[in-house]
C-alpha atoms as a PDB file:
ATOM      1  CA  UNK A   1     213.142 117.759-112.159  1.00  0.00           C
ATOM      2  CA  UNK A   2     213.350 120.977-114.208  1.00  0.00           C
ATOM      3  CA  UNK A   3     216.566 122.037-115.326  1.00  0.00           C
ATOM      4  CA  UNK A   4     217.087 125.455-117.422  1.00  0.00           C
ATOM      5  CA  UNK A   5     220.522 125.779-119.309  1.00  0.00           C
ATOM      6  CA  UNK A   6     221.955 128.993-120.194  1.00  0.00           C
ATOM      7  CA  UNK A   7     224.524 129.462-123.154  1.00  0.00           C
ATOM      8  CA  UNK A   8     225.477 133.068-125.049  1.00  0.00           C
ATOM      9  CA  UNK A   9     227.825 135.130-122.412  1.00  0.00           C
ATOM     10  CA  UNK A  10     231.190 136.462-122.931  1.00  0.00           C
ATOM     11  CA  UNK A  11     233.186 139.891-123.190  1.00  0.00           C
ATOM     12  CA  UNK A  12     231.922 141.796-125.986  1.00  0.00           C
ATOM     13  CA  UNK A  13     233.432 145.797-127.159  1.00  0.00           C
ATOM     14  CA  UNK A  14     230.711 148.540-127.103  1.00  0.00           C
ATOM     15  CA  UNK A  15     228.360 148.726-129.692  1.00  0.00           C
ATOM     16  CA  UNK A  16     228.482 144.906-130.176  1.00  0.00           C
ATOM     17  CA  UNK A  17     225.927 141.566-130.117  1.00  0.00           C
ATOM     18  CA  UNK A  18     225.557 139.002-127.971  1.00  0.00           C
ATOM     19  CA  UNK A  19     222.758 136.389-128.384  1.00  0.00           C
ATOM     20  CA  UNK A  20     221.618 134.501-124.873  1.00  0.00           C
ATOM     21  CA  UNK A  21     220.201 131.361-124.982  1.00  0.00           C
ATOM     22  CA  UNK A  22     218.091 129.463-122.412  1.00  0.00           C
ATOM     23  CA  UNK A  23     216.711 125.812-122.637  1.00  0.00           C
ATOM     24  CA  UNK A  24     213.783 124.183-120.338  1.00  0.00           C
ATOM     25  CA  UNK A  25     214.444 120.330-119.808  1.00  0.00           C
ATOM     26  CA  UNK A  26     212.654 117.779-117.838  1.00  0.00           C
ATOM     27  CA  UNK A  27     209.191 116.235-117.827  1.00  0.00           C
ATOM     28  CA  UNK A  28     205.819 117.212-117.014  1.00  0.00           C
ATOM     29  CA  UNK A  29     205.689 120.795-117.183  1.00  0.00           C
ATOM     30  CA  UNK A  30     204.454 123.809-119.111  1.00  0.00           C
ATOM     31  CA  UNK A  31     205.644 126.934-119.429  1.00  0.00           C
ATOM     32  CA  UNK A  32     203.755 130.187-118.493  1.00  0.00           C
ATOM     33  CA  UNK A  33     206.617 132.947-119.189  1.00  0.00           C
ATOM     34  CA  UNK A  34     210.007 132.901-119.584  1.00  0.00           C
ATOM     35  CA  UNK A  35     212.361 135.834-119.236  1.00  0.00           C
ATOM     36  CA  UNK A  36     215.745 137.081-118.201  1.00  0.00           C
ATOM     37  CA  UNK A  37     217.093 139.432-115.194  1.00  0.00           C
ATOM     38  CA  UNK A  38     220.509 140.757-114.626  1.00  0.00           C
ATOM     39  CA  UNK A  39     222.225 141.378-111.586  1.00  0.00           C
ATOM     40  CA  UNK A  40     225.524 144.237-111.704  1.00  0.00           C
ATOM     41  CA  UNK A  41     227.944 144.217-108.716  1.00  0.00           C
ATOM     42  CA  UNK A  42     226.267 146.118-105.651  1.00  0.00           C
ATOM     43  CA  UNK A  43     223.290 146.145-107.637  1.00  0.00           C
ATOM     44  CA  UNK A  44     219.795 144.291-107.265  1.00  0.00           C
ATOM     45  CA  UNK A  45     218.827 142.218-109.552  1.00  0.00           C
ATOM     46  CA  UNK A  46     216.652 143.659-112.329  1.00  0.00           C
ATOM     47  CA  UNK A  47     213.951 142.506-115.235  1.00  0.00           C
ATOM     48  CA  UNK A  48     215.418 142.915-118.671  1.00  0.00           C
ATOM     49  CA  UNK A  49     213.062 141.427-120.699  1.00  0.00           C
ATOM     50  CA  UNK A  50     210.113 138.494-120.218  1.00  0.00           C
ATOM     51  CA  UNK A  51     207.913 136.811-122.590  1.00  0.00           C
ATOM     52  CA  UNK A  52     204.740 134.903-122.291  1.00  0.00           C
ATOM     53  CA  UNK A  53     203.068 131.654-123.705  1.00  0.00           C
ATOM     54  CA  UNK A  54     201.262 133.441-125.821  1.00  0.00           C
ATOM     55  CA  UNK A  55     204.218 135.974-127.099  1.00  0.00           C
ATOM     56  CA  UNK A  56     203.465 138.831-124.950  1.00  0.00           C
ATOM     57  CA  UNK A  57     206.895 140.741-124.293  1.00  0.00           C
ATOM     58  CA  UNK A  58     207.966 143.198-121.627  1.00  0.00           C
ATOM     59  CA  UNK A  59     211.434 145.201-121.848  1.00  0.00           C
ATOM     60  CA  UNK A  60     212.880 147.507-118.979  1.00  0.00           C
ATOM     61  CA  UNK A  61     213.210 150.623-120.201  1.00  0.00           C
ATOM     62  CA  UNK A  62     217.100 150.478-120.631  1.00  0.00           C
ATOM     63  CA  UNK A  63     216.971 148.047-123.179  1.00  0.00           C
ATOM     64  CA  UNK A  64     214.165 148.917-124.951  1.00  0.00           C
ATOM     65  CA  UNK A  65     215.221 149.416-129.025  1.00  0.00           C
ATOM     66  CA  UNK A  66     218.311 147.555-128.299  1.00  0.00           C
ATOM     67  CA  UNK A  67     217.331 143.992-127.253  1.00  0.00           C
ATOM     68  CA  UNK A  68     214.869 141.667-128.431  1.00  0.00           C
ATOM     69  CA  UNK A  69     213.354 138.535-126.560  1.00  0.00           C
ATOM     70  CA  UNK A  70     212.081 135.780-128.467  1.00  0.00           C
ATOM     71  CA  UNK A  71     210.675 131.537-127.912  1.00  0.00           C
ATOM     72  CA  UNK A  72     210.649 128.594-129.416  1.00  0.00           C
ATOM     73  CA  UNK A  73     207.602 127.023-127.686  1.00  0.00           C
ATOM     74  CA  UNK A  74     208.554 123.497-128.981  1.00  0.00           C
ATOM     75  CA  UNK A  75     212.002 123.700-127.534  1.00  0.00           C
ATOM     76  CA  UNK A  76     210.827 125.180-124.811  1.00  0.00           C
ATOM     77  CA  UNK A  77     213.838 127.641-125.239  1.00  0.00           C
ATOM     78  CA  UNK A  78     214.062 131.488-125.118  1.00  0.00           C
ATOM     79  CA  UNK A  79     216.508 133.606-126.385  1.00  0.00           C
ATOM     80  CA  UNK A  80     217.569 137.316-125.922  1.00  0.00           C
ATOM     81  CA  UNK A  81     219.076 138.999-128.759  1.00  0.00           C
ATOM     82  CA  UNK A  82     221.224 142.316-127.308  1.00  0.00           C
ATOM     83  CA  UNK A  83     222.350 144.937-129.964  1.00  0.00           C
ATOM     84  CA  UNK A  84     224.333 148.126-129.288  1.00  0.00           C
ATOM     85  CA  UNK A  85     225.816 146.855-125.788  1.00  0.00           C
ATOM     86  CA  UNK A  86     226.668 149.481-123.858  1.00  0.00           C
ATOM     87  CA  UNK A  87     229.377 148.987-120.589  1.00  0.00           C
ATOM     88  CA  UNK A  88     226.557 149.228-118.228  1.00  0.00           C
ATOM     89  CA  UNK A  89     225.242 146.090-119.426  1.00  0.00           C
ATOM     90  CA  UNK A  90     227.532 144.498-117.840  1.00  0.00           C
ATOM     91  CA  UNK A  91     225.941 141.920-115.514  1.00  0.00           C
ATOM     92  CA  UNK A  92     225.176 138.358-114.758  1.00  0.00           C
ATOM     93  CA  UNK A  93     222.227 137.693-116.550  1.00  0.00           C
ATOM     94  CA  UNK A  94     219.742 135.112-115.292  1.00  0.00           C
ATOM     95  CA  UNK A  95     217.047 133.395-117.263  1.00  0.00           C
ATOM     96  CA  UNK A  96     213.875 132.887-115.159  1.00  0.00           C
ATOM     97  CA  UNK A  97     211.122 130.597-116.104  1.00  0.00           C
ATOM     98  CA  UNK A  98     207.584 130.385-114.365  1.00  0.00           C
ATOM     99  CA  UNK A  99     206.396 126.780-115.037  1.00  0.00           C
ATOM    100  CA  UNK A 100     203.112 124.969-114.265  1.00  0.00           C
ATOM    101  CA  UNK A 101     204.023 121.511-112.799  1.00  0.00           C
ATOM    102  CA  UNK A 102     200.601 120.397-111.969  1.00  0.00           C
ATOM    103  CA  UNK A 103     199.076 121.539-109.664  1.00  0.00           C
ATOM    104  CA  UNK A 104     201.299 124.217-108.082  1.00  0.00           C
ATOM    105  CA  UNK A 105     203.276 127.060-110.205  1.00  0.00           C
ATOM    106  CA  UNK A 106     206.910 127.279-109.424  1.00  0.00           C
ATOM    107  CA  UNK A 107     209.492 129.730-110.441  1.00  0.00           C
ATOM    108  CA  UNK A 108     213.028 128.660-111.499  1.00  0.00           C
ATOM    109  CA  UNK A 109     216.051 130.150-112.269  1.00  0.00           C
ATOM    110  CA  UNK A 110     219.107 129.423-114.491  1.00  0.00           C
ATOM    111  CA  UNK A 111     222.781 129.186-112.807  1.00  0.00           C
ATOM    112  CA  UNK A 112     223.349 132.901-114.726  1.00  0.00           C
ATOM    113  CA  UNK A 113     225.939 133.611-117.607  1.00  0.00           C
ATOM    114  CA  UNK A 114     228.219 136.914-117.315  1.00  0.00           C
ATOM    115  CA  UNK A 115     227.886 139.295-120.126  1.00  0.00           C
ATOM    116  CA  UNK A 116     231.114 141.775-119.986  1.00  0.00           C
ATOM    117  CA  UNK A 117     230.753 144.737-122.112  1.00  0.00           C
ATOM    118  CA  UNK A 118     233.953 146.684-122.434  1.00  0.00           C
ATOM    119  CA  UNK A 119     237.007 147.835-124.763  1.00  0.00           C
END
């Protein structure tokens, strides 16, 4: 059984910063990629940023230059540093992990953490 544990959401003023963390726990798995998605009310879930096991990153155009994704492979943890936050960044942020549990690949989701950007 693998679980993703998220932390770091909250309320922040426009222009502020937050750091999200997501740790994968369990046994007998390896991580191919991890990432963050978000879903605002009335909108579809969208990719924010992703990072492969080799460190290749991918960002949504709307967050490029403001958000940075990183990972600690030893801790099976991914981070999302969010700077210069805007009200339109308000959403529930979900951690995603693409795992190999031999012999199959799986797509795991965290429970979501609320990020609210408001004055």
